[in-house]
Amino acid sequence: LEGKIVALLRMKAVEKSRLLTGMLVVPECRGTGVGQALLTHCENTVFNNGDYCFAFNHLEAYYSQHGFK
């Protein structure tokens, strides 16, 4: 998978904030920590206090672990 895109995160501008509208990890990389690494990277370099996420119920705990409330 070297040099391949294995995960992505999508955000949409909403007034002065941004909404996390989706995240995808390719099936063969799920469960390997790729999604967690992507969110950690975004926490450190992309996200700001005005960003938010409306998560599906089954994903709320996952996003909560990464600072979304």
C-alpha atoms as a PDB file:
ATOM      1  CA  LEU A   1       0.000   0.000   0.000  1.00  0.00           C
ATOM      2  CA  GLU A   2       3.032   2.243  -0.148  1.00  0.00           C
ATOM      3  CA  GLY A   3       2.157   5.509  -1.889  1.00  0.00           C
ATOM      4  CA  LYS A   4      -1.577   4.735  -1.928  1.00  0.00           C
ATOM      5  CA  ILE A   5      -4.357   6.719  -0.273  1.00  0.00           C
ATOM      6  CA  VAL A   6      -5.779   4.447   2.430  1.00  0.00           C
ATOM      7  CA  ALA A   7      -7.883   6.916   4.422  1.00  0.00           C
ATOM      8  CA  LEU A   8      -9.541  10.260   3.995  1.00  0.00           C
ATOM      9  CA  LEU A   9     -11.473  12.766   6.028  1.00  0.00           C
ATOM     10  CA  ARG A  10     -14.025  15.203   4.605  1.00  0.00           C
ATOM     11  CA  MET A  11     -14.998  18.546   6.141  1.00  0.00           C
ATOM     12  CA  LYS A  12     -17.500  21.167   5.029  1.00  0.00           C
ATOM     13  CA  ALA A  13     -17.345  24.881   5.851  1.00  0.00           C
ATOM     14  CA  VAL A  14     -20.414  26.024   7.797  1.00  0.00           C
ATOM     15  CA  GLU A  15     -20.336  29.752   8.558  1.00  0.00           C
ATOM     16  CA  LYS A  16     -17.218  30.286  10.728  1.00  0.00           C
ATOM     17  CA  SER A  17     -16.850  26.616  11.640  1.00  0.00           C
ATOM     18  CA  ARG A  18     -16.288  23.341   9.849  1.00  0.00           C
ATOM     19  CA  LEU A  19     -18.298  20.150  10.046  1.00  0.00           C
ATOM     20  CA  LEU A  20     -16.606  16.780   9.827  1.00  0.00           C
ATOM     21  CA  THR A  21     -18.916  15.091   7.319  1.00  0.00           C
ATOM     22  CA  GLY A  22     -17.166  11.805   6.736  1.00  0.00           C
ATOM     23  CA  MET A  23     -14.176   9.595   7.194  1.00  0.00           C
ATOM     24  CA  LEU A  24     -13.201   6.506   5.242  1.00  0.00           C
ATOM     25  CA  VAL A  25     -10.534   3.862   5.693  1.00  0.00           C
ATOM     26  CA  VAL A  26     -10.118   1.293   2.926  1.00  0.00           C
ATOM     27  CA  PRO A  27     -11.318  -2.148   4.066  1.00  0.00           C
ATOM     28  CA  GLU A  28      -7.899  -3.808   4.087  1.00  0.00           C
ATOM     29  CA  CYS A  29      -6.574  -1.140   6.498  1.00  0.00           C
ATOM     30  CA  ARG A  30      -9.473  -1.080   8.957  1.00  0.00           C
ATOM     31  CA  GLY A  31      -8.527  -2.099  12.462  1.00  0.00           C
ATOM     32  CA  THR A  32      -4.867  -1.215  11.922  1.00  0.00           C
ATOM     33  CA  GLY A  33      -4.917   2.231  13.571  1.00  0.00           C
ATOM     34  CA  VAL A  34      -4.944   4.184  10.303  1.00  0.00           C
ATOM     35  CA  GLY A  35      -8.188   6.001  11.165  1.00  0.00           C
ATOM     36  CA  GLN A  36      -6.922   6.845  14.631  1.00  0.00           C
ATOM     37  CA  ALA A  37      -3.651   8.139  13.162  1.00  0.00           C
ATOM     38  CA  LEU A  38      -5.573  10.315  10.698  1.00  0.00           C
ATOM     39  CA  LEU A  39      -7.736  11.834  13.432  1.00  0.00           C
ATOM     40  CA  THR A  40      -4.714  12.385  15.693  1.00  0.00           C
ATOM     41  CA  HIS A  41      -2.883  14.140  12.855  1.00  0.00           C
ATOM     42  CA  CYS A  42      -5.931  16.335  12.209  1.00  0.00           C
ATOM     43  CA  GLU A  43      -6.278  17.128  15.919  1.00  0.00           C
ATOM     44  CA  ASN A  44      -2.708  18.410  15.913  1.00  0.00           C
ATOM     45  CA  THR A  45      -2.665  20.250  12.597  1.00  0.00           C
ATOM     46  CA  VAL A  46      -6.148  20.823  11.159  1.00  0.00           C
ATOM     47  CA  PHE A  47      -8.981  20.978  13.683  1.00  0.00           C
ATOM     48  CA  ASN A  48      -9.797  24.078  15.691  1.00  0.00           C
ATOM     49  CA  ASN A  49     -12.245  24.801  18.514  1.00  0.00           C
ATOM     50  CA  GLY A  50     -15.020  25.705  16.087  1.00  0.00           C
ATOM     51  CA  ASP A  51     -15.026  22.354  14.296  1.00  0.00           C
ATOM     52  CA  TYR A  52     -17.741  19.822  15.032  1.00  0.00           C
ATOM     53  CA  CYS A  53     -19.095  16.449  14.027  1.00  0.00           C
ATOM     54  CA  PHE A  54     -22.565  14.904  13.983  1.00  0.00           C
ATOM     55  CA  ALA A  55     -21.720  11.224  14.321  1.00  0.00           C
ATOM     56  CA  PHE A  56     -23.952   8.231  13.828  1.00  0.00           C
ATOM     57  CA  ASN A  57     -24.853   6.677  17.185  1.00  0.00           C
ATOM     58  CA  HIS A  58     -22.529   3.721  16.676  1.00  0.00           C
ATOM     59  CA  LEU A  59     -19.589   6.096  16.038  1.00  0.00           C
ATOM     60  CA  GLU A  60     -20.106   8.578  18.908  1.00  0.00           C
ATOM     61  CA  ALA A  61     -17.641   6.864  21.253  1.00  0.00           C
ATOM     62  CA  TYR A  62     -14.986   6.729  18.518  1.00  0.00           C
ATOM     63  CA  TYR A  63     -15.178  10.462  17.812  1.00  0.00           C
ATOM     64  CA  SER A  64     -15.448  11.293  21.540  1.00  0.00           C
ATOM     65  CA  GLN A  65     -12.058   9.652  22.048  1.00  0.00           C
ATOM     66  CA  HIS A  66     -10.669  12.271  19.676  1.00  0.00           C
ATOM     67  CA  GLY A  67     -12.021  15.338  21.403  1.00  0.00           C
ATOM     68  CA  PHE A  68     -15.393  15.691  19.730  1.00  0.00           C
ATOM     69  CA  LYS A  69     -18.262  16.172  22.193  1.00  0.00           C
END
